[in-house]
Protein backbone atom coordinates (compact mmCIF):
# COMPACT_ATOMS: atom_id res chain seq x y z
CA MET A 1 -106.49 -86.56 -42.26
CA ARG A 2 -102.85 -86.70 -43.25
CA THR A 3 -100.30 -84.59 -41.07
CA ILE A 4 -96.90 -83.77 -43.04
CA MET A 5 -94.60 -81.83 -40.93
CA VAL A 6 -91.54 -80.03 -42.48
CA LEU A 7 -88.51 -80.46 -39.89
CA ASN A 8 -85.24 -79.16 -39.31
CA ALA A 9 -83.44 -77.65 -36.29
CA LYS A 10 -81.70 -74.91 -38.27
CA GLY A 11 -83.41 -71.95 -39.41
CA GLY A 12 -83.03 -70.48 -43.19
CA CYS A 13 -83.21 -73.94 -45.01
CA GLY A 14 -86.23 -73.46 -46.62
CA LYS A 15 -88.87 -75.06 -44.38
CA SER A 16 -91.68 -72.33 -45.10
CA THR A 17 -91.20 -72.44 -48.71
CA ILE A 18 -91.31 -75.97 -48.96
CA SER A 19 -94.45 -75.85 -46.44
CA THR A 20 -96.07 -73.25 -48.39
CA ASN A 21 -95.60 -74.92 -51.81
CA LEU A 22 -96.67 -77.92 -50.65
CA ALA A 23 -100.12 -77.05 -49.30
CA SER A 24 -100.85 -75.26 -52.51
CA TYR A 25 -99.98 -78.25 -54.34
CA TYR A 26 -102.45 -80.49 -52.35
CA ALA A 27 -105.12 -77.46 -52.79
CA PHE A 28 -104.70 -76.76 -56.44
CA GLU A 29 -103.27 -80.30 -57.89
CA GLU A 30 -105.23 -82.44 -55.90
CA GLU A 31 -107.92 -80.76 -54.96
CA LYS A 32 -107.92 -81.19 -51.46
CA LYS A 33 -109.08 -79.25 -48.13
CA VAL A 34 -105.88 -77.88 -46.85
CA ALA A 35 -104.96 -76.68 -43.52
CA LEU A 36 -101.16 -74.68 -42.57
CA ALA A 37 -99.93 -74.52 -39.51
CA ASP A 38 -97.38 -72.44 -38.90
CA TYR A 39 -95.10 -72.60 -35.45
CA ASP A 40 -92.62 -69.89 -36.06
CA PRO A 41 -93.35 -66.95 -34.47
CA GLN A 42 -92.44 -64.73 -37.47
CA GLY A 43 -95.37 -66.31 -39.47
CA SER A 44 -93.48 -66.89 -43.24
CA SER A 45 -96.24 -69.08 -44.00
CA LEU A 46 -99.16 -66.96 -42.47
CA ALA A 47 -97.76 -63.97 -44.53
CA TRP A 48 -97.80 -66.11 -47.47
CA LEU A 49 -101.21 -66.74 -46.83
CA GLU A 50 -102.14 -63.20 -46.36
CA VAL A 51 -101.61 -62.36 -49.72
CA ARG A 52 -103.11 -65.49 -51.54
CA GLY A 53 -105.64 -64.10 -53.86
CA GLU A 54 -109.00 -65.28 -53.65
CA GLU A 55 -109.32 -66.98 -57.12
CA TRP A 56 -106.66 -69.77 -56.07
CA PRO A 57 -108.07 -72.56 -53.68
CA GLU A 58 -108.54 -71.72 -50.41
CA ILE A 59 -106.16 -72.78 -47.26
CA GLU A 60 -106.69 -72.62 -43.92
CA GLY A 61 -104.08 -70.69 -41.87
CA ILE A 62 -103.57 -71.55 -38.10
CA ALA A 63 -100.65 -69.63 -36.24
CA ALA A 64 -99.77 -72.70 -34.12
CA PHE A 65 -97.24 -70.41 -32.04
CA LYS A 66 -100.42 -69.17 -29.97
CA ASP A 67 -103.27 -70.92 -31.08
CA PRO A 68 -104.24 -74.60 -30.69
CA VAL A 69 -104.13 -76.87 -33.92
CA ARG A 70 -107.44 -77.82 -34.93
CA PRO A 71 -107.96 -77.59 -38.19
CA ALA A 72 -111.72 -77.14 -40.16
CA LYS A 73 -113.53 -80.13 -39.86
CA GLY A 74 -113.67 -82.27 -43.60
CA THR A 75 -109.80 -80.95 -43.78
CA ASP A 76 -107.91 -83.60 -45.89
CA ILE A 77 -104.17 -82.45 -45.36
CA LEU A 78 -102.22 -80.66 -42.30
CA ILE A 79 -99.02 -79.31 -43.35
CA ILE A 80 -96.85 -78.21 -40.44
CA ASP A 81 -94.67 -75.85 -40.69
CA ALA A 82 -92.17 -76.26 -37.86
CA PRO A 83 -90.26 -73.74 -36.06
CA ALA A 84 -86.51 -74.04 -35.58
CA ARG A 85 -84.57 -75.21 -32.83
CA VAL A 86 -86.82 -77.88 -31.68
CA HIS A 87 -84.91 -80.25 -29.48
CA GLY A 88 -85.52 -82.56 -26.26
CA LYS A 89 -89.20 -83.09 -25.07
CA GLU A 90 -90.39 -80.27 -27.53
CA LEU A 91 -89.15 -81.87 -30.61
CA THR A 92 -90.99 -85.54 -29.41
CA THR A 93 -94.06 -83.50 -29.03
CA MET A 94 -93.70 -82.07 -32.55
CA VAL A 95 -92.74 -85.71 -34.01
CA ARG A 96 -95.90 -86.92 -32.20
CA LYS A 97 -98.52 -84.65 -34.71
CA ALA A 98 -96.60 -86.03 -38.09
CA ASP A 99 -97.37 -88.94 -40.40
CA THR A 100 -94.85 -88.02 -42.56
CA ILE A 101 -91.63 -85.60 -42.04
CA LEU A 102 -89.60 -84.00 -44.62
CA PHE A 103 -85.96 -82.79 -43.75
CA PRO A 104 -84.68 -80.17 -45.77
CA VAL A 105 -80.49 -79.56 -46.14
CA LEU A 106 -78.83 -77.32 -47.63
CA PRO A 107 -75.85 -77.90 -49.58
CA SER A 108 -73.25 -76.03 -47.33
CA PRO A 109 -70.69 -77.67 -44.67
CA ILE A 110 -72.63 -75.63 -41.77
CA ASP A 111 -75.81 -77.02 -42.43
CA MET A 112 -74.79 -80.62 -43.48
CA ARG A 113 -72.64 -80.90 -39.81
CA ALA A 114 -76.13 -79.50 -37.94
CA ALA A 115 -78.23 -82.11 -40.13
CA THR A 116 -76.26 -85.40 -38.66
CA ASP A 117 -76.68 -84.24 -34.71
CA TYR A 118 -80.10 -83.53 -35.92
CA MET A 119 -81.11 -86.61 -37.60
CA LYS A 120 -79.52 -88.62 -34.85
CA GLU A 121 -81.89 -86.60 -32.21
CA ILE A 122 -84.64 -87.45 -34.67
CA LYS A 123 -84.02 -91.12 -35.16
CA ALA A 124 -84.16 -91.19 -31.02
CA VAL A 125 -87.82 -90.46 -30.69
CA GLY A 126 -90.21 -93.14 -30.00
CA LYS A 127 -92.41 -92.46 -32.66
CA VAL A 128 -89.37 -93.05 -35.33
CA GLU A 129 -87.95 -95.87 -33.87
CA ARG A 130 -91.17 -97.88 -33.52
CA LYS A 131 -91.50 -96.52 -37.30
CA GLU A 132 -94.86 -94.85 -36.65
CA VAL A 133 -93.60 -91.84 -38.96
CA LYS A 134 -91.94 -91.97 -42.11
CA ILE A 135 -89.06 -89.55 -42.61
CA GLY A 136 -87.72 -88.07 -46.10
CA VAL A 137 -84.88 -85.81 -46.91
CA ILE A 138 -84.84 -83.00 -49.27
CA ALA A 139 -81.88 -81.43 -50.93
CA ASN A 140 -83.12 -77.78 -51.23
CA ARG A 141 -81.72 -74.62 -52.97
CA VAL A 142 -78.90 -76.98 -55.07
CA ARG A 143 -77.12 -75.89 -57.83
CA GLU A 144 -76.51 -79.28 -59.98
CA ASN A 145 -73.09 -79.84 -61.40
CA THR A 146 -71.09 -78.11 -58.51
CA ILE A 147 -68.67 -79.73 -56.14
CA ILE A 148 -70.81 -78.88 -52.94
CA PHE A 149 -73.76 -80.64 -54.55
CA SER A 150 -71.95 -83.47 -54.91
CA GLU A 151 -70.81 -83.70 -51.43
CA LEU A 152 -74.37 -83.01 -50.24
CA TYR A 153 -75.40 -86.17 -52.21
CA ASP A 154 -72.99 -88.15 -50.54
CA PHE A 155 -73.61 -86.81 -47.16
CA ILE A 156 -77.37 -87.35 -47.67
CA LYS A 157 -76.62 -90.96 -48.68
CA LYS A 158 -74.94 -91.59 -44.86
CA LEU A 159 -78.10 -90.28 -43.27
CA LYS A 160 -79.82 -93.64 -44.04
CA VAL A 161 -82.87 -91.61 -44.77
CA PRO A 162 -84.54 -91.99 -47.82
CA TYR A 163 -83.56 -89.48 -50.42
CA ILE A 164 -86.57 -87.96 -52.05
CA ALA A 165 -85.95 -84.93 -54.25
CA THR A 166 -83.67 -82.15 -54.88
CA LEU A 167 -84.78 -79.05 -55.51
CA ARG A 168 -83.41 -76.10 -57.14
CA ASP A 169 -81.86 -72.58 -56.72
CA THR A 170 -84.18 -70.39 -58.10
CA GLN A 171 -86.03 -67.03 -58.25
CA ASN A 172 -89.10 -68.43 -58.71
CA TYR A 173 -90.09 -69.48 -55.36
CA ILE A 174 -89.34 -65.81 -54.42
CA ARG A 175 -91.82 -65.11 -57.13
CA ALA A 176 -94.74 -66.93 -55.58
CA GLU A 177 -94.26 -66.04 -52.28
CA GLU A 178 -94.49 -62.30 -52.95
CA ARG A 179 -98.21 -63.20 -54.89
CA GLY A 180 -99.03 -65.82 -52.43
CA VAL A 181 -99.24 -68.80 -54.98
CA GLY A 182 -96.98 -71.94 -55.04
CA ILE A 183 -94.71 -73.05 -58.40
CA PHE A 184 -97.88 -75.12 -59.23
CA GLU A 185 -100.20 -72.70 -59.54
CA MET A 186 -97.63 -70.31 -61.63
CA ALA A 187 -97.42 -70.55 -65.74
CA PRO A 188 -95.54 -73.66 -67.14
CA SER A 189 -93.33 -71.65 -69.33
CA GLN A 190 -91.79 -70.34 -65.89
CA VAL A 191 -91.52 -73.39 -63.74
CA TYR A 192 -91.57 -76.34 -65.80
CA GLN A 193 -87.87 -77.10 -64.71
CA ASP A 194 -89.37 -77.01 -60.85
CA TRP A 195 -92.46 -78.89 -61.53
CA GLU A 196 -89.84 -81.45 -62.70
CA SER A 197 -87.75 -81.63 -59.47
CA TRP A 198 -90.72 -81.72 -57.29
CA GLU A 199 -92.03 -84.79 -58.92
CA PRO A 200 -90.28 -87.58 -56.95
CA LEU A 201 -91.00 -85.82 -53.83
CA THR A 202 -94.72 -85.63 -54.62
CA LYS A 203 -94.64 -89.27 -56.48
CA TRP A 204 -92.92 -90.14 -52.81
CA LEU A 205 -95.65 -88.56 -50.46
CA ARG A 206 -98.51 -90.16 -53.03
CA SER A 207 -97.06 -93.59 -52.23
CA LYS A 208 -97.34 -96.03 -49.54
CA ARG A 209 -93.77 -95.49 -48.78
CA SER A 210 -94.13 -92.31 -46.94
CA MET A 211 -96.74 -93.39 -44.77
CA PRO A 212 -96.62 -95.15 -41.24
CA ASP A 213 -96.89 -99.11 -41.45
C-alpha cells in the first residue's frame, strides 16, 4: 500500500482540497482501491465523502483524529489529510507514515514565510534526512501572470525541494466539493484547464522520482 500525505503546518492552504481530489483521481482514473484518512478534527475530507454519490467509485473514509488508521484489506492507496500545526514529535510520527509528502504553498507573504520555517523542520526529521520519503511542493490557488505568483515561483525554487505543479485559483474545486466529487469526475468542458494543471503532479506521482529509494 502506498501512502501519500498532504502536509503543511498552516491552515487554509488547501490540504483537504488536494487530498480529496487526489483520492478521486486514484479511485476514478487509476481504478485503485483508495482510503482517505482525515486527521483534522474539522473533518473536511470526511464531509466531502459524506455527500459523495454511490455512482462514483467508493473511497474509504477514516476519522484519523479519533480512530486508528487501519485501511481495509487490499487498499492500494492511502491518502492522508494531515492536520495543521503539527510540530516536534508529532510531526516525526506523522512523517513516518508517508512514502510521499505533498507540500502546498499559497501565493502570499505570510504563507511563504511560514513555509520556509516549516520546511526546515520537515527536513530535520530522520526519515526525510535518510531520503526514505520524497517531498514535492505545490503552488496552490494561483493566478498566473501576477507579481505574487512570480514571487512564489522564486520562493519555491529556494526551498530546494522539487516543485511539482501549479494549481490555479478556480471555483471548480468548490463545485466539486459540494458534490463530493473530484475535478477528474467532472465534465471535461468545465475542468480541462484544471486537468492540465494536475498533469505534472499525477505524472510525478506515477514516476519513481516520487517514491523512496
